């Protein structure tokens, strides 16, 4: 059963192999228990496109994506819109991409694995595990 959404910053650390504990933790829980938001896919492709070796890094990235299911953020648009309004009124907004990733985890009832628990913790009801 899928239990975790891996945030962009977690996957960047996996790709850079630091800290090594993240890869070990993913192995312990099983890669089949992890998914990524399509927003994370876009963010990672954006980084790869601007890298010193776009084609080589794209190949590495796609090998990682072959192992992870991708879930659509579109299922969480209404949840994200409500959270954006609530956070804006509170004076604590979150960037749209992060809001969509977090709300996707929330919408699917999954736990978000992130290196930015304080930031993502502003999303009401979101379960978070800070592995970094």
Protein backbone atom coordinates (compact mmCIF):
# COMPACT_ATOMS: atom_id res chain seq x y z
CA UNK A 1 0.00 0.00 0.00
CA UNK A 2 1.36 3.42 -0.97
CA UNK A 3 2.07 5.51 2.10
CA UNK A 4 4.52 8.26 1.18
CA UNK A 5 4.91 11.18 -1.23
CA UNK A 6 8.57 12.09 -1.74
CA UNK A 7 9.11 15.84 -1.95
CA UNK A 8 11.40 17.40 -4.54
CA UNK A 9 14.15 18.21 -2.05
CA UNK A 10 14.25 14.58 -0.87
CA UNK A 11 14.70 13.31 -4.42
CA UNK A 12 17.42 15.87 -5.12
CA UNK A 13 19.29 14.48 -2.13
CA UNK A 14 18.71 10.92 -3.39
CA UNK A 15 20.13 11.88 -6.78
CA UNK A 16 23.14 13.50 -5.12
CA UNK A 17 23.47 10.50 -2.76
CA UNK A 18 23.43 12.67 0.34
CA UNK A 19 22.68 11.99 3.01
CA UNK A 20 22.93 8.26 2.38
CA UNK A 21 20.33 7.54 5.03
CA UNK A 22 17.54 8.63 2.69
CA UNK A 23 18.25 5.87 0.17
CA UNK A 24 18.46 3.38 3.01
CA UNK A 25 15.12 4.53 4.43
CA UNK A 26 13.45 4.22 1.02
CA UNK A 27 14.84 0.70 0.70
CA UNK A 28 13.53 -0.17 4.19
CA UNK A 29 9.98 0.97 3.48
CA UNK A 30 10.05 -0.19 -0.14
CA UNK A 31 10.07 1.99 -3.23
CA UNK A 32 6.60 0.61 -4.07
CA UNK A 33 5.30 2.45 -0.97
CA UNK A 34 6.48 5.79 -2.38
CA UNK A 35 5.09 8.08 -5.07
CA UNK A 36 5.87 11.54 -6.41
CA UNK A 37 3.63 14.37 -7.50
CA UNK A 38 3.74 15.37 -11.15
CA UNK A 39 4.77 18.81 -9.86
CA UNK A 40 7.95 17.23 -8.46
CA UNK A 41 8.62 15.64 -11.85
CA UNK A 42 8.39 19.08 -13.46
CA UNK A 43 10.64 20.67 -10.82
CA UNK A 44 13.31 18.02 -11.28
CA UNK A 45 13.20 18.26 -15.08
CA UNK A 46 13.58 22.04 -14.73
CA UNK A 47 16.72 21.58 -12.65
CA UNK A 48 18.14 19.00 -15.04
CA UNK A 49 17.50 21.23 -18.06
CA UNK A 50 19.61 23.96 -16.46
CA UNK A 51 22.41 21.60 -15.38
CA UNK A 52 25.87 21.24 -16.89
CA UNK A 53 24.88 17.87 -18.44
CA UNK A 54 21.17 18.03 -19.27
CA UNK A 55 21.00 14.87 -21.37
CA UNK A 56 23.07 12.75 -18.99
CA UNK A 57 21.18 14.00 -15.95
CA UNK A 58 17.85 13.50 -17.71
CA UNK A 59 18.75 9.85 -18.25
CA UNK A 60 19.58 9.43 -14.54
CA UNK A 61 16.36 11.16 -13.57
CA UNK A 62 14.25 8.99 -15.85
CA UNK A 63 15.78 5.82 -14.40
CA UNK A 64 14.62 7.02 -10.99
CA UNK A 65 11.14 7.81 -12.33
CA UNK A 66 10.92 4.29 -13.78
CA UNK A 67 10.84 3.09 -10.17
CA UNK A 68 8.32 5.60 -8.82
CA UNK A 69 4.65 6.05 -9.54
CA UNK A 70 3.63 9.61 -10.39
CA UNK A 71 0.34 10.96 -9.04
CA UNK A 72 -1.47 13.96 -10.49
CA UNK A 73 -1.63 17.20 -8.57
CA UNK A 74 -4.83 18.03 -10.46
CA UNK A 75 -6.77 15.86 -8.00
CA UNK A 76 -5.74 18.33 -5.28
CA UNK A 77 -6.51 21.62 -7.02
CA UNK A 78 -9.54 22.43 -4.87
CA UNK A 79 -7.74 21.47 -1.67
CA UNK A 80 -4.74 23.59 -2.69
CA UNK A 81 -6.95 26.54 -3.61
CA UNK A 82 -8.65 26.48 -0.21
CA UNK A 83 -5.28 26.19 1.56
CA UNK A 84 -3.82 29.02 -0.52
CA UNK A 85 -6.73 31.27 0.51
CA UNK A 86 -6.41 30.27 4.16
CA UNK A 87 -2.63 30.76 4.24
CA UNK A 88 -2.85 34.09 2.40
CA UNK A 89 -5.41 35.39 4.90
CA UNK A 90 -3.11 34.27 7.72
CA UNK A 91 -0.16 36.07 6.11
CA UNK A 92 1.81 32.81 5.75
CA UNK A 93 1.64 31.93 2.05
CA UNK A 94 3.47 29.01 0.47
CA UNK A 95 4.82 28.92 -3.10
CA UNK A 96 2.27 27.32 -5.44
CA UNK A 97 4.45 24.35 -6.42
CA UNK A 98 5.09 23.43 -2.79
CA UNK A 99 1.44 23.96 -1.93
CA UNK A 100 0.40 21.63 -4.75
CA UNK A 101 2.87 18.92 -3.72
CA UNK A 102 1.76 19.09 -0.09
CA UNK A 103 -1.94 19.19 -0.94
CA UNK A 104 -1.51 16.25 -3.30
CA UNK A 105 -0.21 14.20 -0.38
CA UNK A 106 -3.07 15.50 1.75
CA UNK A 107 -5.69 14.72 -0.89
CA UNK A 108 -4.48 11.12 -1.23
CA UNK A 109 -4.16 10.67 2.55
CA UNK A 110 -0.40 10.09 2.29
CA UNK A 111 2.54 11.28 4.37
CA UNK A 112 4.86 13.82 2.78
CA UNK A 113 8.57 13.11 3.13
CA UNK A 114 10.34 16.47 3.00
CA UNK A 115 13.39 18.36 4.08
CA UNK A 116 11.26 21.41 4.69
CA UNK A 117 8.86 20.32 7.42
CA UNK A 118 8.50 23.80 8.93
CA UNK A 119 7.40 25.29 5.59
CA UNK A 120 5.15 22.41 4.54
CA UNK A 121 3.78 22.08 8.06
CA UNK A 122 1.67 25.17 7.43
CA UNK A 123 -0.65 23.02 5.30
CA UNK A 124 -3.51 22.13 7.60
CA UNK A 125 -3.91 18.39 8.19
CA UNK A 126 -0.84 17.35 6.21
CA UNK A 127 1.11 14.43 7.67
CA UNK A 128 4.86 15.02 7.41
CA UNK A 129 8.01 13.04 8.12
CA UNK A 130 11.26 15.01 7.95
CA UNK A 131 13.88 12.52 6.70
CA UNK A 132 16.49 15.19 6.05
